[in-house]
PDB file of N, CA and C in Angstrom:
ATOM      1  N   UNK A   1     -25.365   4.072   2.969  1.00  0.00           N
ATOM      2  CA  UNK A   1     -24.617   3.303   1.996  1.00  0.00           C
ATOM      3  C   UNK A   1     -23.322   4.010   1.604  1.00  0.00           C
ATOM      4  N   UNK A   2     -23.370   5.318   1.463  1.00  0.00           N
ATOM      5  CA  UNK A   2     -22.179   6.063   1.072  1.00  0.00           C
ATOM      6  C   UNK A   2     -21.110   6.027   2.156  1.00  0.00           C
ATOM      7  N   UNK A   3     -21.501   6.029   3.425  1.00  0.00           N
ATOM      8  CA  UNK A   3     -20.507   6.046   4.486  1.00  0.00           C
ATOM      9  C   UNK A   3     -19.724   4.729   4.540  1.00  0.00           C
ATOM     10  N   UNK A   4     -20.350   3.633   4.185  1.00  0.00           N
ATOM     11  CA  UNK A   4     -19.639   2.359   4.151  1.00  0.00           C
ATOM     12  C   UNK A   4     -18.539   2.347   3.116  1.00  0.00           C
ATOM     13  N   UNK A   5     -18.811   2.920   1.960  1.00  0.00           N
ATOM     14  CA  UNK A   5     -17.795   3.004   0.905  1.00  0.00           C
ATOM     15  C   UNK A   5     -16.666   3.937   1.306  1.00  0.00           C
ATOM     16  N   UNK A   6     -17.003   5.043   1.964  1.00  0.00           N
ATOM     17  CA  UNK A   6     -15.976   5.995   2.395  1.00  0.00           C
ATOM     18  C   UNK A   6     -15.081   5.385   3.467  1.00  0.00           C
ATOM     19  N   UNK A   7     -15.682   4.634   4.378  1.00  0.00           N
ATOM     20  CA  UNK A   7     -14.895   3.979   5.423  1.00  0.00           C
ATOM     21  C   UNK A   7     -13.958   2.949   4.804  1.00  0.00           C
ATOM     22  N   UNK A   8     -14.475   2.139   3.896  1.00  0.00           N
ATOM     23  CA  UNK A   8     -13.650   1.118   3.246  1.00  0.00           C
ATOM     24  C   UNK A   8     -12.498   1.754   2.478  1.00  0.00           C
ATOM     25  N   UNK A   9     -12.788   2.763   1.668  1.00  0.00           N
ATOM     26  CA  UNK A   9     -11.744   3.426   0.881  1.00  0.00           C
ATOM     27  C   UNK A   9     -10.727   4.102   1.788  1.00  0.00           C
ATOM     28  N   UNK A  10     -11.193   4.752   2.844  1.00  0.00           N
ATOM     29  CA  UNK A  10     -10.279   5.423   3.761  1.00  0.00           C
ATOM     30  C   UNK A  10      -9.345   4.460   4.456  1.00  0.00           C
ATOM     31  N   UNK A  11      -9.879   3.332   4.889  1.00  0.00           N
ATOM     32  CA  UNK A  11      -9.049   2.335   5.571  1.00  0.00           C
ATOM     33  C   UNK A  11      -8.040   1.717   4.601  1.00  0.00           C
ATOM     34  N   UNK A  12      -8.471   1.441   3.385  1.00  0.00           N
ATOM     35  CA  UNK A  12      -7.557   0.853   2.396  1.00  0.00           C
ATOM     36  C   UNK A  12      -6.424   1.826   2.077  1.00  0.00           C
ATOM     37  N   UNK A  13      -6.755   3.085   1.824  1.00  0.00           N
ATOM     38  CA  UNK A  13      -5.720   4.082   1.541  1.00  0.00           C
ATOM     39  C   UNK A  13      -4.768   4.237   2.721  1.00  0.00           C
ATOM     40  N   UNK A  14      -5.317   4.293   3.929  1.00  0.00           N
ATOM     41  CA  UNK A  14      -4.483   4.482   5.113  1.00  0.00           C
ATOM     42  C   UNK A  14      -3.563   3.283   5.344  1.00  0.00           C
ATOM     43  N   UNK A  15      -4.083   2.080   5.210  1.00  0.00           N
ATOM     44  CA  UNK A  15      -3.243   0.891   5.388  1.00  0.00           C
ATOM     45  C   UNK A  15      -2.140   0.813   4.330  1.00  0.00           C
ATOM     46  N   UNK A  16      -2.506   1.090   3.078  1.00  0.00           N
ATOM     47  CA  UNK A  16      -1.512   1.047   2.013  1.00  0.00           C
ATOM     48  C   UNK A  16      -0.440   2.109   2.233  1.00  0.00           C
ATOM     49  N   UNK A  17      -0.861   3.326   2.543  1.00  0.00           N
ATOM     50  CA  UNK A  17       0.099   4.409   2.752  1.00  0.00           C
ATOM     51  C   UNK A  17       1.018   4.148   3.927  1.00  0.00           C
ATOM     52  N   UNK A  18       0.456   3.666   5.028  1.00  0.00           N
ATOM     53  CA  UNK A  18       1.277   3.362   6.193  1.00  0.00           C
ATOM     54  C   UNK A  18       2.266   2.240   5.939  1.00  0.00           C
ATOM     55  N   UNK A  19       1.808   1.189   5.273  1.00  0.00           N
ATOM     56  CA  UNK A  19       2.695   0.060   4.980  1.00  0.00           C
ATOM     57  C   UNK A  19       3.798   0.467   4.006  1.00  0.00           C
ATOM     58  N   UNK A  20       3.446   1.250   2.989  1.00  0.00           N
ATOM     59  CA  UNK A  20       4.450   1.691   2.027  1.00  0.00           C
ATOM     60  C   UNK A  20       5.465   2.614   2.676  1.00  0.00           C
ATOM     61  N   UNK A  21       5.021   3.479   3.562  1.00  0.00           N
ATOM     62  CA  UNK A  21       5.942   4.380   4.252  1.00  0.00           C
ATOM     63  C   UNK A  21       6.880   3.609   5.167  1.00  0.00           C
ATOM     64  N   UNK A  22       6.362   2.614   5.893  1.00  0.00           N
ATOM     65  CA  UNK A  22       7.222   1.799   6.759  1.00  0.00           C
ATOM     66  C   UNK A  22       8.220   0.991   5.933  1.00  0.00           C
ATOM     67  N   UNK A  23       7.754   0.403   4.840  1.00  0.00           N
ATOM     68  CA  UNK A  23       8.631  -0.413   4.004  1.00  0.00           C
ATOM     69  C   UNK A  23       9.731   0.441   3.375  1.00  0.00           C
ATOM     70  N   UNK A  24       9.362   1.607   2.868  1.00  0.00           N
ATOM     71  CA  UNK A  24      10.345   2.496   2.253  1.00  0.00           C
ATOM     72  C   UNK A  24      11.362   2.958   3.282  1.00  0.00           C
ATOM     73  N   UNK A  25      10.885   3.342   4.461  1.00  0.00           N
ATOM     74  CA  UNK A  25      11.808   3.776   5.511  1.00  0.00           C
ATOM     75  C   UNK A  25      12.769   2.687   5.935  1.00  0.00           C
ATOM     76  N   UNK A  26      12.281   1.468   6.029  1.00  0.00           N
ATOM     77  CA  UNK A  26      13.140   0.340   6.395  1.00  0.00           C
ATOM     78  C   UNK A  26      14.196   0.086   5.333  1.00  0.00           C
ATOM     79  N   UNK A  27      13.785   0.119   4.063  1.00  0.00           N
ATOM     80  CA  UNK A  27      14.749  -0.118   2.977  1.00  0.00           C
ATOM     81  C   UNK A  27      15.816   0.972   2.934  1.00  0.00           C
ATOM     82  N   UNK A  28      15.415   2.217   3.127  1.00  0.00           N
ATOM     83  CA  UNK A  28      16.367   3.326   3.081  1.00  0.00           C
ATOM     84  C   UNK A  28      17.321   3.251   4.269  1.00  0.00           C
ATOM     85  N   UNK A  29      16.793   2.957   5.458  1.00  0.00           N
ATOM     86  CA  UNK A  29      17.634   2.875   6.652  1.00  0.00           C
ATOM     87  C   UNK A  29      18.684   1.767   6.525  1.00  0.00           C
ATOM     88  N   UNK A  30      18.322   0.672   5.890  1.00  0.00           N
ATOM     89  CA  UNK A  30      19.263  -0.437   5.711  1.00  0.00           C
ATOM     90  C   UNK A  30      20.212  -0.213   4.537  1.00  0.00           C
ATOM     91  N   UNK A  31      19.947   0.793   3.726  1.00  0.00           N
ATOM     92  CA  UNK A  31      20.789   1.061   2.566  1.00  0.00           C
ATOM     93  C   UNK A  31      20.473   0.169   1.381  1.00  0.00           C
ATOM     94  N   UNK A  32      19.338  -0.489   1.404  1.00  0.00           N
ATOM     95  CA  UNK A  32      18.928  -1.367   0.309  1.00  0.00           C
ATOM     96  C   UNK A  32      18.131  -0.571  -0.714  1.00  0.00           C
ATOM     97  N   UNK A  33      18.138  -1.010  -1.970  1.00  0.00           N
ATOM     98  CA  UNK A  33      17.384  -0.266  -2.989  1.00  0.00           C
ATOM     99  C   UNK A  33      15.874  -0.411  -2.777  1.00  0.00           C
ATOM    100  N   UNK A  34      15.161   0.673  -3.058  1.00  0.00           N
ATOM    101  CA  UNK A  34      13.709   0.647  -2.962  1.00  0.00           C
ATOM    102  C   UNK A  34      13.134   0.020  -4.227  1.00  0.00           C
ATOM    103  N   UNK A  35      13.756   0.314  -5.366  1.00  0.00           N
ATOM    104  CA  UNK A  35      13.369  -0.288  -6.650  1.00  0.00           C
ATOM    105  C   UNK A  35      14.652  -0.638  -7.400  1.00  0.00           C
ATOM    106  N   UNK A  36      14.704  -1.803  -7.967  1.00  0.00           N
ATOM    107  CA  UNK A  36      15.901  -2.242  -8.674  1.00  0.00           C
ATOM    108  C   UNK A  36      16.035  -1.529 -10.004  1.00  0.00           C
ATOM    109  N   UNK A  37      17.234  -1.095 -10.306  1.00  0.00           N
ATOM    110  CA  UNK A  37      17.519  -0.472 -11.585  1.00  0.00           C
ATOM    111  C   UNK A  37      17.185   1.009 -11.638  1.00  0.00           C
ATOM    112  N   UNK A  38      16.851   1.610 -10.486  1.00  0.00           N
ATOM    113  CA  UNK A  38      16.501   3.026 -10.430  1.00  0.00           C
ATOM    114  C   UNK A  38      17.354   3.658  -9.350  1.00  0.00           C
ATOM    115  N   UNK A  39      17.632   4.937  -9.491  1.00  0.00           N
ATOM    116  CA  UNK A  39      18.385   5.658  -8.473  1.00  0.00           C
ATOM    117  C   UNK A  39      17.697   5.513  -7.124  1.00  0.00           C
ATOM    118  N   UNK A  40      18.497   5.273  -6.077  1.00  0.00           N
ATOM    119  CA  UNK A  40      17.924   5.061  -4.750  1.00  0.00           C
ATOM    120  C   UNK A  40      17.212   6.313  -4.259  1.00  0.00           C
ATOM    121  N   UNK A  41      17.765   7.472  -4.538  1.00  0.00           N
ATOM    122  CA  UNK A  41      17.139   8.714  -4.085  1.00  0.00           C
ATOM    123  C   UNK A  41      15.810   8.935  -4.800  1.00  0.00           C
ATOM    124  N   UNK A  42      15.798   8.716  -6.117  1.00  0.00           N
ATOM    125  CA  UNK A  42      14.572   8.934  -6.889  1.00  0.00           C
ATOM    126  C   UNK A  42      13.477   7.953  -6.486  1.00  0.00           C
ATOM    127  N   UNK A  43      13.828   6.685  -6.311  1.00  0.00           N
ATOM    128  CA  UNK A  43      12.811   5.699  -5.964  1.00  0.00           C
ATOM    129  C   UNK A  43      12.291   5.908  -4.542  1.00  0.00           C
ATOM    130  N   UNK A  44      13.165   6.279  -3.614  1.00  0.00           N
ATOM    131  CA  UNK A  44      12.720   6.530  -2.243  1.00  0.00           C
ATOM    132  C   UNK A  44      11.837   7.777  -2.183  1.00  0.00           C
ATOM    133  N   UNK A  45      12.190   8.792  -2.958  1.00  0.00           N
ATOM    134  CA  UNK A  45      11.379  10.007  -2.997  1.00  0.00           C
ATOM    135  C   UNK A  45      10.004   9.725  -3.574  1.00  0.00           C
ATOM    136  N   UNK A  46       9.952   9.003  -4.669  1.00  0.00           N
ATOM    137  CA  UNK A  46       8.672   8.693  -5.299  1.00  0.00           C
ATOM    138  C   UNK A  46       7.809   7.816  -4.384  1.00  0.00           C
ATOM    139  N   UNK A  47       8.409   6.799  -3.788  1.00  0.00           N
ATOM    140  CA  UNK A  47       7.645   5.916  -2.903  1.00  0.00           C
ATOM    141  C   UNK A  47       7.162   6.670  -1.671  1.00  0.00           C
ATOM    142  N   UNK A  48       7.995   7.531  -1.121  1.00  0.00           N
ATOM    143  CA  UNK A  48       7.579   8.328   0.026  1.00  0.00           C
ATOM    144  C   UNK A  48       6.452   9.288  -0.310  1.00  0.00           C
ATOM    145  N   UNK A  49       6.534   9.890  -1.491  1.00  0.00           N
ATOM    146  CA  UNK A  49       5.483  10.805  -1.925  1.00  0.00           C
ATOM    147  C   UNK A  49       4.155  10.067  -2.112  1.00  0.00           C
ATOM    148  N   UNK A  50       4.207   8.909  -2.747  1.00  0.00           N
ATOM    149  CA  UNK A  50       2.986   8.117  -2.945  1.00  0.00           C
ATOM    150  C   UNK A  50       2.403   7.693  -1.596  1.00  0.00           C
ATOM    151  N   UNK A  51       3.256   7.342  -0.651  1.00  0.00           N
ATOM    152  CA  UNK A  51       2.781   6.934   0.670  1.00  0.00           C
ATOM    153  C   UNK A  51       2.089   8.085   1.393  1.00  0.00           C
ATOM    154  N   UNK A  52       2.680   9.274   1.343  1.00  0.00           N
ATOM    155  CA  UNK A  52       2.086  10.427   2.021  1.00  0.00           C
ATOM    156  C   UNK A  52       0.770  10.836   1.354  1.00  0.00           C
ATOM    157  N   UNK A  53       0.735  10.801   0.030  1.00  0.00           N
ATOM    158  CA  UNK A  53      -0.507  11.122  -0.687  1.00  0.00           C
ATOM    159  C   UNK A  53      -1.591  10.104  -0.341  1.00  0.00           C
ATOM    160  N   UNK A  54      -1.224   8.842  -0.263  1.00  0.00           N
ATOM    161  CA  UNK A  54      -2.192   7.799   0.084  1.00  0.00           C
ATOM    162  C   UNK A  54      -2.715   7.989   1.507  1.00  0.00           C
ATOM    163  N   UNK A  55      -1.838   8.329   2.437  1.00  0.00           N
ATOM    164  CA  UNK A  55      -2.291   8.609   3.800  1.00  0.00           C
ATOM    165  C   UNK A  55      -3.218   9.821   3.829  1.00  0.00           C
ATOM    166  N   UNK A  56      -2.907  10.824   3.038  1.00  0.00           N
ATOM    167  CA  UNK A  56      -3.767  11.996   2.958  1.00  0.00           C
ATOM    168  C   UNK A  56      -5.136  11.665   2.384  1.00  0.00           C
ATOM    169  N   UNK A  57      -5.170  10.846   1.344  1.00  0.00           N
ATOM    170  CA  UNK A  57      -6.446  10.429   0.783  1.00  0.00           C
ATOM    171  C   UNK A  57      -7.266   9.608   1.780  1.00  0.00           C
ATOM    172  N   UNK A  58      -6.582   8.767   2.538  1.00  0.00           N
ATOM    173  CA  UNK A  58      -7.269   7.991   3.558  1.00  0.00           C
ATOM    174  C   UNK A  58      -7.869   8.893   4.618  1.00  0.00           C
ATOM    175  N   UNK A  59      -7.112   9.885   5.055  1.00  0.00           N
ATOM    176  CA  UNK A  59      -7.635  10.833   6.041  1.00  0.00           C
ATOM    177  C   UNK A  59      -8.797  11.632   5.476  1.00  0.00           C
ATOM    178  N   UNK A  60      -8.689  12.021   4.215  1.00  0.00           N
ATOM    179  CA  UNK A  60      -9.768  12.769   3.568  1.00  0.00           C
ATOM    180  C   UNK A  60     -11.051  11.933   3.515  1.00  0.00           C
ATOM    181  N   UNK A  61     -10.923  10.689   3.100  1.00  0.00           N
ATOM    182  CA  UNK A  61     -12.107   9.819   3.014  1.00  0.00           C
ATOM    183  C   UNK A  61     -12.730   9.602   4.383  1.00  0.00           C
ATOM    184  N   UNK A  62     -11.911   9.433   5.405  1.00  0.00           N
ATOM    185  CA  UNK A  62     -12.445   9.165   6.733  1.00  0.00           C
ATOM    186  C   UNK A  62     -13.055  10.412   7.373  1.00  0.00           C
ATOM    187  N   UNK A  63     -12.621  11.595   6.967  1.00  0.00           N
ATOM    188  CA  UNK A  63     -13.210  12.810   7.531  1.00  0.00           C
ATOM    189  C   UNK A  63     -14.469  13.236   6.795  1.00  0.00           C
ATOM    190  N   UNK A  64     -14.778  12.625   5.661  1.00  0.00           N
ATOM    191  CA  UNK A  64     -15.951  12.999   4.883  1.00  0.00           C
ATOM    192  C   UNK A  64     -17.183  12.178   5.282  1.00  0.00           C
ATOM    193  N   UNK A  65     -17.132  11.510   6.395  1.00  0.00           N
ATOM    194  CA  UNK A  65     -18.281  10.719   6.848  1.00  0.00           C
ATOM    195  C   UNK A  65     -19.316  11.674   7.320  1.00  0.00           C
TER     196      UNK A  65
END
């Protein structure tokens, strides 16, 4: 039962982190704002950090099977 929850959480974290990293990279490459009303550097840094942490959590959950 525990492995099913770990697999689900790991996949969700990995999908979210990967999608956020791709979206942030696309917005930065095009020169578009990542978040409206916030410095582009600060918002891209924060979004990138959250994406990498989410990918790390996904990897952690998937390796704890």
